[in-house]
Amino acid sequence: MSAIKLKVEGLDVRFVNGQKETHAVRDVSFTLGREKLAIVGESGSGKSTVGRSLLKLHPNSAKISARAMQFGEVDLLTANEKAMQKIRGQRISMIMQDPKYSLNPVVKVGDQIAEAYLAHHKASRREARERVMEMLEKVHIRDPQRVYNLYPHEVSGGMGQRIMIAMMVITQPQVIIADEPTSALDVSVRQQVLSVLEELVEQQALGLIFVSHDLNLVRNYCDRVLVMYAGRVVESLAACDLQYAEHPYTRGLLAALPSMDNRRERLPVLQRDPLWLTC
């Protein structure tokens, strides 16, 4: 792995609602270099919560603590809102799950990408428009001039996701957090979007945190995998070694995957052990 871009040790996240406290993330530690790191697990396991914690995107009801949360020279844990505004988008970008809910429906998509660029760079509107055209070409959108002037409802799901990627990458960040970026896409479009992301990671030497529940996808796409259960990392291993996973939770997730080659009448039900929360 290349030089570490991000270091997290003992991340803990709790949400407080009146007298009720929900422990969402428990003692999560990892490093990120120039690589594609997957965070996988069931819905509610804390995957997205980890990504949002790095950018402090949680409501005030969230209590975030850690032994370390270091991004280059910046201590993310103690950084104030003014410092975080310089981090978000410019140095760490986050690609959301569904562009339909992330893009402004009444603003042309090209203007939205230009706005992201102008928020972090001193440039004229003309310069920003030129950069947007270049970025739309980089994410393999045909006829950027036409697409620039479209509204979100006029683009397909796959094109919308590429537009989101263009918006997040145009600021030239060092780290991208991709939160289920392909879950709403069909297989062929999904592969196109993944190829675009991989190309940008290689060209710009980015670190990618890829949040997903799809073990087959991350096995073939990512470099390393963190497996989360109930807010904890229960196993960390190279993506190519997933078939050799040792933790019973990871083994259970793998066993529950359907296969076209080995058809079964019934997929096994994942058995959970309370001890996984303590060991």
C-alpha atoms as a PDB file:
ATOM      1  CA  MET A   1       0.000   0.000   0.000  1.00  0.00           C
ATOM      2  CA  SER A   2       1.205   3.530  -0.790  1.00  0.00           C
ATOM      3  CA  ALA A   3       1.518   6.417   1.690  1.00  0.00           C
ATOM      4  CA  ILE A   4      -1.336   6.558   4.195  1.00  0.00           C
ATOM      5  CA  LYS A   5      -3.898   9.261   3.396  1.00  0.00           C
ATOM      6  CA  LEU A   6      -6.253   8.531   6.273  1.00  0.00           C
ATOM      7  CA  LYS A   7      -5.813   6.919   9.681  1.00  0.00           C
ATOM      8  CA  VAL A   8      -8.706   5.984  11.960  1.00  0.00           C
ATOM      9  CA  GLU A   9      -8.279   4.370  15.371  1.00  0.00           C
ATOM     10  CA  GLY A  10     -11.062   3.394  17.752  1.00  0.00           C
ATOM     11  CA  LEU A  11     -13.897   5.295  16.054  1.00  0.00           C
ATOM     12  CA  ASP A  12     -17.026   5.233  18.176  1.00  0.00           C
ATOM     13  CA  VAL A  13     -20.380   6.779  17.202  1.00  0.00           C
ATOM     14  CA  ARG A  14     -23.488   7.046  19.386  1.00  0.00           C
ATOM     15  CA  PHE A  15     -26.827   8.697  18.590  1.00  0.00           C
ATOM     16  CA  VAL A  16     -28.783  10.212  21.467  1.00  0.00           C
ATOM     17  CA  ASN A  17     -32.559  10.631  21.291  1.00  0.00           C
ATOM     18  CA  GLY A  18     -33.939  11.792  24.629  1.00  0.00           C
ATOM     19  CA  GLN A  19     -33.128   9.058  27.124  1.00  0.00           C
ATOM     20  CA  LYS A  20     -32.340   6.531  24.387  1.00  0.00           C
ATOM     21  CA  GLU A  21     -28.790   6.036  23.137  1.00  0.00           C
ATOM     22  CA  THR A  22     -27.953   3.959  20.056  1.00  0.00           C
ATOM     23  CA  HIS A  23     -24.400   2.659  19.749  1.00  0.00           C
ATOM     24  CA  ALA A  24     -23.974   2.672  15.953  1.00  0.00           C
ATOM     25  CA  VAL A  25     -20.194   2.256  15.505  1.00  0.00           C
ATOM     26  CA  ARG A  26     -17.905   0.491  17.962  1.00  0.00           C
ATOM     27  CA  ASP A  27     -14.097   0.765  18.044  1.00  0.00           C
ATOM     28  CA  VAL A  28     -13.525   0.842  14.262  1.00  0.00           C
ATOM     29  CA  SER A  29      -9.908   1.184  13.088  1.00  0.00           C
ATOM     30  CA  PHE A  30      -8.377   1.252   9.588  1.00  0.00           C
ATOM     31  CA  THR A  31      -5.919   3.070   7.350  1.00  0.00           C
ATOM     32  CA  LEU A  32      -6.344   4.166   3.747  1.00  0.00           C
ATOM     33  CA  GLY A  33      -3.647   4.698   1.137  1.00  0.00           C
ATOM     34  CA  ARG A  34      -3.821   4.887  -2.652  1.00  0.00           C
ATOM     35  CA  GLU A  35      -6.179   1.931  -2.865  1.00  0.00           C
ATOM     36  CA  LYS A  36      -9.796   0.838  -3.026  1.00  0.00           C
ATOM     37  CA  LEU A  37     -10.975  -0.130   0.459  1.00  0.00           C
ATOM     38  CA  ALA A  38     -14.391  -1.766   0.771  1.00  0.00           C
ATOM     39  CA  ILE A  39     -16.581  -1.598   3.872  1.00  0.00           C
ATOM     40  CA  VAL A  40     -19.236  -4.317   3.699  1.00  0.00           C
ATOM     41  CA  GLY A  41     -21.980  -5.697   5.888  1.00  0.00           C
ATOM     42  CA  GLU A  42     -25.730  -5.910   6.262  1.00  0.00           C
ATOM     43  CA  SER A  43     -27.992  -2.862   6.320  1.00  0.00           C
ATOM     44  CA  GLY A  44     -27.609  -1.183   9.705  1.00  0.00           C
ATOM     45  CA  SER A  45     -24.100  -2.520  10.314  1.00  0.00           C
ATOM     46  CA  GLY A  46     -22.600   0.993  10.442  1.00  0.00           C
ATOM     47  CA  LYS A  47     -20.956   1.196   6.999  1.00  0.00           C
ATOM     48  CA  SER A  48     -22.376   4.564   5.927  1.00  0.00           C
ATOM     49  CA  THR A  49     -22.110   5.912   9.471  1.00  0.00           C
ATOM     50  CA  VAL A  50     -18.340   5.482   9.317  1.00  0.00           C
ATOM     51  CA  GLY A  51     -18.109   7.399   6.031  1.00  0.00           C
ATOM     52  CA  ARG A  52     -20.311  10.246   7.238  1.00  0.00           C
ATOM     53  CA  SER A  53     -18.364  10.470  10.508  1.00  0.00           C
ATOM     54  CA  LEU A  54     -15.168  11.260   8.616  1.00  0.00           C
ATOM     55  CA  LEU A  55     -16.845  14.353   7.155  1.00  0.00           C
ATOM     56  CA  LYS A  56     -18.874  15.180  10.267  1.00  0.00           C
ATOM     57  CA  LEU A  57     -22.147  14.954   8.369  1.00  0.00           C
ATOM     58  CA  HIS A  58     -24.138  13.565  11.303  1.00  0.00           C
ATOM     59  CA  PRO A  59     -26.720  15.613  13.232  1.00  0.00           C
ATOM     60  CA  ASN A  60     -25.849  17.206  16.558  1.00  0.00           C
ATOM     61  CA  SER A  61     -27.365  14.204  18.329  1.00  0.00           C
ATOM     62  CA  ALA A  62     -24.335  12.133  17.258  1.00  0.00           C
ATOM     63  CA  LYS A  63     -21.481  11.675  19.708  1.00  0.00           C
ATOM     64  CA  ILE A  64     -18.274  10.907  17.798  1.00  0.00           C
ATOM     65  CA  SER A  65     -15.090   9.847  19.590  1.00  0.00           C
ATOM     66  CA  ALA A  66     -11.855   8.154  18.553  1.00  0.00           C
ATOM     67  CA  ARG A  67      -8.275   7.619  19.625  1.00  0.00           C
ATOM     68  CA  ALA A  68      -7.242   9.084  16.256  1.00  0.00           C
ATOM     69  CA  MET A  69      -8.940  10.342  13.112  1.00  0.00           C
ATOM     70  CA  GLN A  70      -6.100  11.824  11.100  1.00  0.00           C
ATOM     71  CA  PHE A  71      -6.222  13.012   7.494  1.00  0.00           C
ATOM     72  CA  GLY A  72      -2.786  14.168   6.447  1.00  0.00           C
ATOM     73  CA  GLU A  73      -1.956  17.101   8.703  1.00  0.00           C
ATOM     74  CA  VAL A  74      -5.589  17.554   9.809  1.00  0.00           C
ATOM     75  CA  ASP A  75      -7.068  16.079  12.978  1.00  0.00           C
ATOM     76  CA  LEU A  76     -10.638  15.436  11.800  1.00  0.00           C
ATOM     77  CA  LEU A  77     -11.800  14.745  15.336  1.00  0.00           C
ATOM     78  CA  THR A  78     -10.988  18.231  16.662  1.00  0.00           C
ATOM     79  CA  ALA A  79     -11.406  20.201  13.401  1.00  0.00           C
ATOM     80  CA  ASN A  80     -14.038  22.953  13.698  1.00  0.00           C
ATOM     81  CA  GLU A  81     -16.767  23.611  11.129  1.00  0.00           C
ATOM     82  CA  LYS A  82     -14.689  26.199   9.259  1.00  0.00           C
ATOM     83  CA  ALA A  83     -11.851  23.688   8.844  1.00  0.00           C
ATOM     84  CA  MET A  84     -14.272  20.950   7.790  1.00  0.00           C
ATOM     85  CA  GLN A  85     -15.736  23.188   5.076  1.00  0.00           C
ATOM     86  CA  LYS A  86     -12.275  23.251   3.496  1.00  0.00           C
ATOM     87  CA  ILE A  87     -12.059  19.452   3.736  1.00  0.00           C
ATOM     88  CA  ARG A  88     -15.524  18.528   2.446  1.00  0.00           C
ATOM     89  CA  GLY A  89     -15.620  18.356  -1.319  1.00  0.00           C
ATOM     90  CA  GLN A  90     -12.169  19.810  -1.867  1.00  0.00           C
ATOM     91  CA  ARG A  91     -10.048  17.125  -0.172  1.00  0.00           C
ATOM     92  CA  ILE A  92     -12.572  14.410   0.717  1.00  0.00           C
ATOM     93  CA  SER A  93     -15.632  13.901  -1.490  1.00  0.00           C
ATOM     94  CA  MET A  94     -18.634  11.662  -0.916  1.00  0.00           C
ATOM     95  CA  ILE A  95     -20.684  10.086  -3.698  1.00  0.00           C
ATOM     96  CA  MET A  96     -24.203   9.383  -2.475  1.00  0.00           C
ATOM     97  CA  GLN A  97     -26.274   6.324  -3.280  1.00  0.00           C
ATOM     98  CA  ASP A  98     -28.933   7.767  -5.577  1.00  0.00           C
ATOM     99  CA  PRO A  99     -28.428  10.877  -7.741  1.00  0.00           C
ATOM    100  CA  LYS A 100     -32.194  11.499  -7.840  1.00  0.00           C
ATOM    101  CA  TYR A 101     -32.046  12.591  -4.204  1.00  0.00           C
ATOM    102  CA  SER A 102     -28.622  14.288  -4.337  1.00  0.00           C
ATOM    103  CA  LEU A 103     -28.992  16.578  -7.358  1.00  0.00           C
ATOM    104  CA  ASN A 104     -31.031  19.786  -7.238  1.00  0.00           C
ATOM    105  CA  PRO A 105     -34.059  19.131  -9.490  1.00  0.00           C
ATOM    106  CA  VAL A 106     -34.429  22.784 -10.610  1.00  0.00           C
ATOM    107  CA  VAL A 107     -30.783  23.480 -11.566  1.00  0.00           C
ATOM    108  CA  LYS A 108     -29.074  22.277 -14.741  1.00  0.00           C
ATOM    109  CA  VAL A 109     -26.610  19.476 -14.006  1.00  0.00           C
ATOM    110  CA  GLY A 110     -23.702  21.367 -15.589  1.00  0.00           C
ATOM    111  CA  ASP A 111     -24.323  24.394 -13.373  1.00  0.00           C
ATOM    112  CA  GLN A 112     -24.361  22.136 -10.310  1.00  0.00           C
ATOM    113  CA  ILE A 113     -20.950  20.682 -11.198  1.00  0.00           C
ATOM    114  CA  ALA A 114     -19.611  24.193 -11.906  1.00  0.00           C
ATOM    115  CA  GLU A 115     -20.907  25.348  -8.522  1.00  0.00           C
ATOM    116  CA  ALA A 116     -18.915  22.581  -6.796  1.00  0.00           C
ATOM    117  CA  TYR A 117     -15.772  23.688  -8.648  1.00  0.00           C
ATOM    118  CA  LEU A 118     -16.272  27.401  -7.894  1.00  0.00           C
ATOM    119  CA  ALA A 119     -16.839  26.674  -4.210  1.00  0.00           C
ATOM    120  CA  HIS A 120     -13.190  25.600  -3.902  1.00  0.00           C
ATOM    121  CA  HIS A 121     -11.374  27.382  -6.748  1.00  0.00           C
ATOM    122  CA  LYS A 122     -10.997  31.032  -7.705  1.00  0.00           C
ATOM    123  CA  ALA A 123     -12.107  30.979 -11.329  1.00  0.00           C
ATOM    124  CA  SER A 124     -14.492  32.692 -13.716  1.00  0.00           C
ATOM    125  CA  ARG A 125     -17.790  31.147 -14.787  1.00  0.00           C
ATOM    126  CA  ARG A 126     -16.282  30.552 -18.221  1.00  0.00           C
ATOM    127  CA  GLU A 127     -13.283  28.701 -16.765  1.00  0.00           C
ATOM    128  CA  ALA A 128     -15.582  26.635 -14.560  1.00  0.00           C
ATOM    129  CA  ARG A 129     -17.723  25.700 -17.560  1.00  0.00           C
ATOM    130  CA  GLU A 130     -14.615  24.545 -19.468  1.00  0.00           C
ATOM    131  CA  ARG A 131     -13.530  22.407 -16.515  1.00  0.00           C
ATOM    132  CA  VAL A 132     -17.017  20.886 -16.331  1.00  0.00           C
ATOM    133  CA  MET A 133     -16.860  19.953 -20.022  1.00  0.00           C
ATOM    134  CA  GLU A 134     -13.490  18.272 -19.469  1.00  0.00           C
ATOM    135  CA  MET A 135     -14.800  16.383 -16.459  1.00  0.00           C
ATOM    136  CA  LEU A 136     -17.936  15.200 -18.266  1.00  0.00           C
ATOM    137  CA  GLU A 137     -15.681  13.779 -20.977  1.00  0.00           C
ATOM    138  CA  LYS A 138     -13.537  12.069 -18.320  1.00  0.00           C
ATOM    139  CA  VAL A 139     -16.568  10.244 -16.979  1.00  0.00           C
ATOM    140  CA  HIS A 140     -17.398   9.150 -20.548  1.00  0.00           C
ATOM    141  CA  ILE A 141     -20.510  11.226 -21.138  1.00  0.00           C
ATOM    142  CA  ARG A 142     -21.159  11.772 -24.820  1.00  0.00           C
ATOM    143  CA  ASP A 143     -22.016  15.273 -26.048  1.00  0.00           C
ATOM    144  CA  PRO A 144     -21.085  17.148 -22.827  1.00  0.00           C
ATOM    145  CA  GLN A 145     -22.457  20.395 -24.262  1.00  0.00           C
ATOM    146  CA  ARG A 146     -25.952  18.920 -24.476  1.00  0.00           C
ATOM    147  CA  VAL A 147     -25.779  17.139 -21.120  1.00  0.00           C
ATOM    148  CA  TYR A 148     -24.550  20.315 -19.382  1.00  0.00           C
ATOM    149  CA  ASN A 149     -27.924  21.954 -20.044  1.00  0.00           C
ATOM    150  CA  LEU A 150     -30.104  19.036 -18.928  1.00  0.00           C
ATOM    151  CA  TYR A 151     -32.038  18.900 -15.665  1.00  0.00           C
ATOM    152  CA  PRO A 152     -31.673  15.869 -13.347  1.00  0.00           C
ATOM    153  CA  HIS A 153     -35.029  14.384 -14.382  1.00  0.00           C
ATOM    154  CA  GLU A 154     -33.838  14.336 -18.009  1.00  0.00           C
ATOM    155  CA  VAL A 155     -30.897  11.970 -17.427  1.00  0.00           C
ATOM    156  CA  SER A 156     -30.839   8.212 -16.855  1.00  0.00           C
ATOM    157  CA  GLY A 157     -29.736   6.590 -13.599  1.00  0.00           C
ATOM    158  CA  GLY A 158     -26.328   5.658 -14.988  1.00  0.00           C
ATOM    159  CA  MET A 159     -25.718   9.118 -16.422  1.00  0.00           C
ATOM    160  CA  GLY A 160     -26.918  10.706 -13.173  1.00  0.00           C
ATOM    161  CA  GLN A 161     -24.390   8.673 -11.227  1.00  0.00           C
ATOM    162  CA  ARG A 162     -21.596   9.723 -13.608  1.00  0.00           C
ATOM    163  CA  ILE A 163     -22.671  13.340 -13.164  1.00  0.00           C
ATOM    164  CA  MET A 164     -22.413  12.862  -9.393  1.00  0.00           C
ATOM    165  CA  ILE A 165     -18.923  11.394  -9.807  1.00  0.00           C
ATOM    166  CA  ALA A 166     -17.919  14.348 -12.004  1.00  0.00           C
ATOM    167  CA  MET A 167     -19.214  16.750  -9.355  1.00  0.00           C
ATOM    168  CA  MET A 168     -17.281  15.045  -6.573  1.00  0.00           C
ATOM    169  CA  VAL A 169     -14.023  14.631  -8.516  1.00  0.00           C
ATOM    170  CA  ILE A 170     -13.831  18.029 -10.254  1.00  0.00           C
ATOM    171  CA  THR A 171     -12.448  19.530  -7.029  1.00  0.00           C
ATOM    172  CA  GLN A 172      -9.488  17.081  -7.242  1.00  0.00           C
ATOM    173  CA  PRO A 173      -9.914  15.424  -3.825  1.00  0.00           C
ATOM    174  CA  GLN A 174      -7.437  13.037  -2.271  1.00  0.00           C
ATOM    175  CA  VAL A 175     -10.092  10.653  -0.922  1.00  0.00           C
ATOM    176  CA  ILE A 176     -13.504   9.621  -2.271  1.00  0.00           C
ATOM    177  CA  ILE A 177     -16.158   7.938  -0.126  1.00  0.00           C
ATOM    178  CA  ALA A 178     -18.581   6.103  -2.426  1.00  0.00           C
ATOM    179  CA  ASP A 179     -21.730   5.088  -0.541  1.00  0.00           C
ATOM    180  CA  GLU A 180     -23.440   2.278  -2.490  1.00  0.00           C
ATOM    181  CA  PRO A 181     -22.815   4.177  -5.762  1.00  0.00           C
ATOM    182  CA  THR A 182     -24.134   1.419  -8.037  1.00  0.00           C
ATOM    183  CA  SER A 183     -26.948  -0.218  -6.059  1.00  0.00           C
ATOM    184  CA  ALA A 184     -29.702   1.439  -8.136  1.00  0.00           C
ATOM    185  CA  LEU A 185     -28.143   0.572 -11.510  1.00  0.00           C
ATOM    186  CA  ASP A 186     -28.499  -2.444 -13.776  1.00  0.00           C
ATOM    187  CA  VAL A 187     -25.491  -4.715 -14.312  1.00  0.00           C
ATOM    188  CA  SER A 188     -24.184  -3.224 -17.572  1.00  0.00           C
ATOM    189  CA  VAL A 189     -24.427   0.400 -16.392  1.00  0.00           C
ATOM    190  CA  ARG A 190     -22.960  -0.567 -13.026  1.00  0.00           C
ATOM    191  CA  GLN A 191     -19.821  -1.877 -14.724  1.00  0.00           C
ATOM    192  CA  GLN A 192     -19.454   1.357 -16.682  1.00  0.00           C
ATOM    193  CA  VAL A 193     -19.696   3.464 -13.515  1.00  0.00           C
ATOM    194  CA  LEU A 194     -17.191   1.241 -11.693  1.00  0.00           C
ATOM    195  CA  SER A 195     -14.759   1.543 -14.615  1.00  0.00           C
ATOM    196  CA  VAL A 196     -15.035   5.336 -14.489  1.00  0.00           C
ATOM    197  CA  LEU A 197     -14.304   5.352 -10.753  1.00  0.00           C
ATOM    198  CA  GLU A 198     -11.347   2.994 -11.136  1.00  0.00           C
ATOM    199  CA  GLU A 199      -9.904   5.097 -13.960  1.00  0.00           C
ATOM    200  CA  LEU A 200     -10.105   8.255 -11.839  1.00  0.00           C
ATOM    201  CA  VAL A 201      -8.520   6.511  -8.831  1.00  0.00           C
ATOM    202  CA  GLU A 202      -5.568   5.482 -10.991  1.00  0.00           C
ATOM    203  CA  GLN A 203      -5.179   8.792 -12.837  1.00  0.00           C
ATOM    204  CA  GLN A 204      -5.417  11.026  -9.768  1.00  0.00           C
ATOM    205  CA  ALA A 205      -3.832   8.686  -7.176  1.00  0.00           C
ATOM    206  CA  LEU A 206      -6.950   8.741  -5.016  1.00  0.00           C
ATOM    207  CA  GLY A 207      -7.890   6.710  -1.998  1.00  0.00           C
ATOM    208  CA  LEU A 208     -11.368   5.181  -2.356  1.00  0.00           C
ATOM    209  CA  ILE A 209     -13.643   3.988   0.450  1.00  0.00           C
ATOM    210  CA  PHE A 210     -16.296   1.857  -1.223  1.00  0.00           C
ATOM    211  CA  VAL A 211     -19.354   1.201   0.967  1.00  0.00           C
ATOM    212  CA  SER A 212     -21.315  -1.823  -0.229  1.00  0.00           C
ATOM    213  CA  HIS A 213     -23.302  -4.904   0.739  1.00  0.00           C
ATOM    214  CA  ASP A 214     -22.281  -6.758  -2.436  1.00  0.00           C
ATOM    215  CA  LEU A 215     -19.500  -9.207  -1.596  1.00  0.00           C
ATOM    216  CA  ASN A 216     -19.140 -10.462  -5.149  1.00  0.00           C
ATOM    217  CA  LEU A 217     -18.653  -6.910  -6.409  1.00  0.00           C
ATOM    218  CA  VAL A 218     -15.994  -5.889  -3.881  1.00  0.00           C
ATOM    219  CA  ARG A 219     -14.166  -9.203  -4.255  1.00  0.00           C
ATOM    220  CA  ASN A 220     -13.449  -8.344  -7.887  1.00  0.00           C
ATOM    221  CA  TYR A 221     -13.193  -4.571  -7.620  1.00  0.00           C
ATOM    222  CA  CYS A 222     -11.491  -3.559  -4.370  1.00  0.00           C
ATOM    223  CA  ASP A 223      -8.058  -4.153  -2.841  1.00  0.00           C
ATOM    224  CA  ARG A 224      -9.023  -4.672   0.812  1.00  0.00           C
ATOM    225  CA  VAL A 225     -12.254  -5.402   2.674  1.00  0.00           C
ATOM    226  CA  LEU A 226     -13.487  -4.486   6.142  1.00  0.00           C
ATOM    227  CA  VAL A 227     -16.439  -6.629   7.227  1.00  0.00           C
ATOM    228  CA  MET A 228     -18.762  -4.909   9.724  1.00  0.00           C
ATOM    229  CA  TYR A 229     -21.324  -6.458  12.040  1.00  0.00           C
ATOM    230  CA  ALA A 230     -23.472  -4.365  14.430  1.00  0.00           C
ATOM    231  CA  GLY A 231     -21.062  -1.437  14.276  1.00  0.00           C
ATOM    232  CA  ARG A 232     -17.853  -3.456  14.695  1.00  0.00           C
ATOM    233  CA  VAL A 233     -15.185  -4.563  12.249  1.00  0.00           C
ATOM    234  CA  VAL A 234     -15.143  -8.330  12.698  1.00  0.00           C
ATOM    235  CA  GLU A 235     -12.671  -9.107   9.910  1.00  0.00           C
ATOM    236  CA  SER A 236     -10.192  -7.296   7.661  1.00  0.00           C
ATOM    237  CA  LEU A 237      -8.535  -9.013   4.715  1.00  0.00           C
ATOM    238  CA  ALA A 238      -7.433  -8.653   1.105  1.00  0.00           C
ATOM    239  CA  ALA A 239     -10.379  -8.687  -1.295  1.00  0.00           C
ATOM    240  CA  CYS A 240      -8.846 -11.530  -3.290  1.00  0.00           C
ATOM    241  CA  ASP A 241      -8.740 -13.627  -0.101  1.00  0.00           C
ATOM    242  CA  LEU A 242     -12.440 -13.322   0.763  1.00  0.00           C
ATOM    243  CA  GLN A 243     -13.005 -17.015   0.044  1.00  0.00           C
ATOM    244  CA  TYR A 244     -10.522 -17.752   2.848  1.00  0.00           C
ATOM    245  CA  ALA A 245     -12.342 -15.609   5.433  1.00  0.00           C
ATOM    246  CA  GLU A 246     -12.258 -17.063   8.940  1.00  0.00           C
ATOM    247  CA  HIS A 247     -14.877 -15.160  10.918  1.00  0.00           C
ATOM    248  CA  PRO A 248     -18.216 -17.020  11.060  1.00  0.00           C
ATOM    249  CA  TYR A 249     -20.121 -13.840  10.127  1.00  0.00           C
ATOM    250  CA  THR A 250     -18.114 -13.358   6.923  1.00  0.00           C
ATOM    251  CA  ARG A 251     -18.439 -17.060   6.164  1.00  0.00           C
ATOM    252  CA  GLY A 252     -22.202 -16.780   6.701  1.00  0.00           C
ATOM    253  CA  LEU A 253     -22.493 -13.822   4.314  1.00  0.00           C
ATOM    254  CA  LEU A 254     -20.557 -15.719   1.658  1.00  0.00           C
ATOM    255  CA  ALA A 255     -22.668 -18.846   2.124  1.00  0.00           C
ATOM    256  CA  ALA A 256     -25.863 -16.799   1.659  1.00  0.00           C
ATOM    257  CA  LEU A 257     -24.819 -15.610  -1.806  1.00  0.00           C
ATOM    258  CA  PRO A 258     -26.861 -17.189  -4.600  1.00  0.00           C
ATOM    259  CA  SER A 259     -24.928 -18.934  -7.380  1.00  0.00           C
ATOM    260  CA  MET A 260     -25.860 -19.644 -10.985  1.00  0.00           C
ATOM    261  CA  ASP A 261     -23.501 -22.630 -11.017  1.00  0.00           C
ATOM    262  CA  ASN A 262     -24.522 -24.333  -7.781  1.00  0.00           C
ATOM    263  CA  ARG A 263     -28.260 -23.982  -7.401  1.00  0.00           C
ATOM    264  CA  ARG A 264     -29.757 -24.711  -3.989  1.00  0.00           C
ATOM    265  CA  GLU A 265     -33.379 -25.146  -2.960  1.00  0.00           C
ATOM    266  CA  ARG A 266     -32.892 -22.834  -0.018  1.00  0.00           C
ATOM    267  CA  LEU A 267     -30.114 -20.413   0.913  1.00  0.00           C
ATOM    268  CA  PRO A 268     -28.790 -20.838   4.469  1.00  0.00           C
ATOM    269  CA  VAL A 269     -29.991 -18.406   7.147  1.00  0.00           C
ATOM    270  CA  LEU A 270     -27.192 -16.421   8.746  1.00  0.00           C
ATOM    271  CA  GLN A 271     -26.780 -17.366  12.406  1.00  0.00           C
ATOM    272  CA  ARG A 272     -25.632 -14.549  14.709  1.00  0.00           C
ATOM    273  CA  ASP A 273     -23.738 -14.866  17.978  1.00  0.00           C
ATOM    274  CA  PRO A 274     -23.937 -12.168  20.724  1.00  0.00           C
ATOM    275  CA  LEU A 275     -20.260 -12.867  21.455  1.00  0.00           C
ATOM    276  CA  TRP A 276     -19.348 -11.205  18.129  1.00  0.00           C
ATOM    277  CA  LEU A 277     -20.026  -7.880  19.836  1.00  0.00           C
ATOM    278  CA  THR A 278     -17.408  -8.483  22.498  1.00  0.00           C
ATOM    279  CA  CYS A 279     -14.599 -10.462  20.838  1.00  0.00           C
END
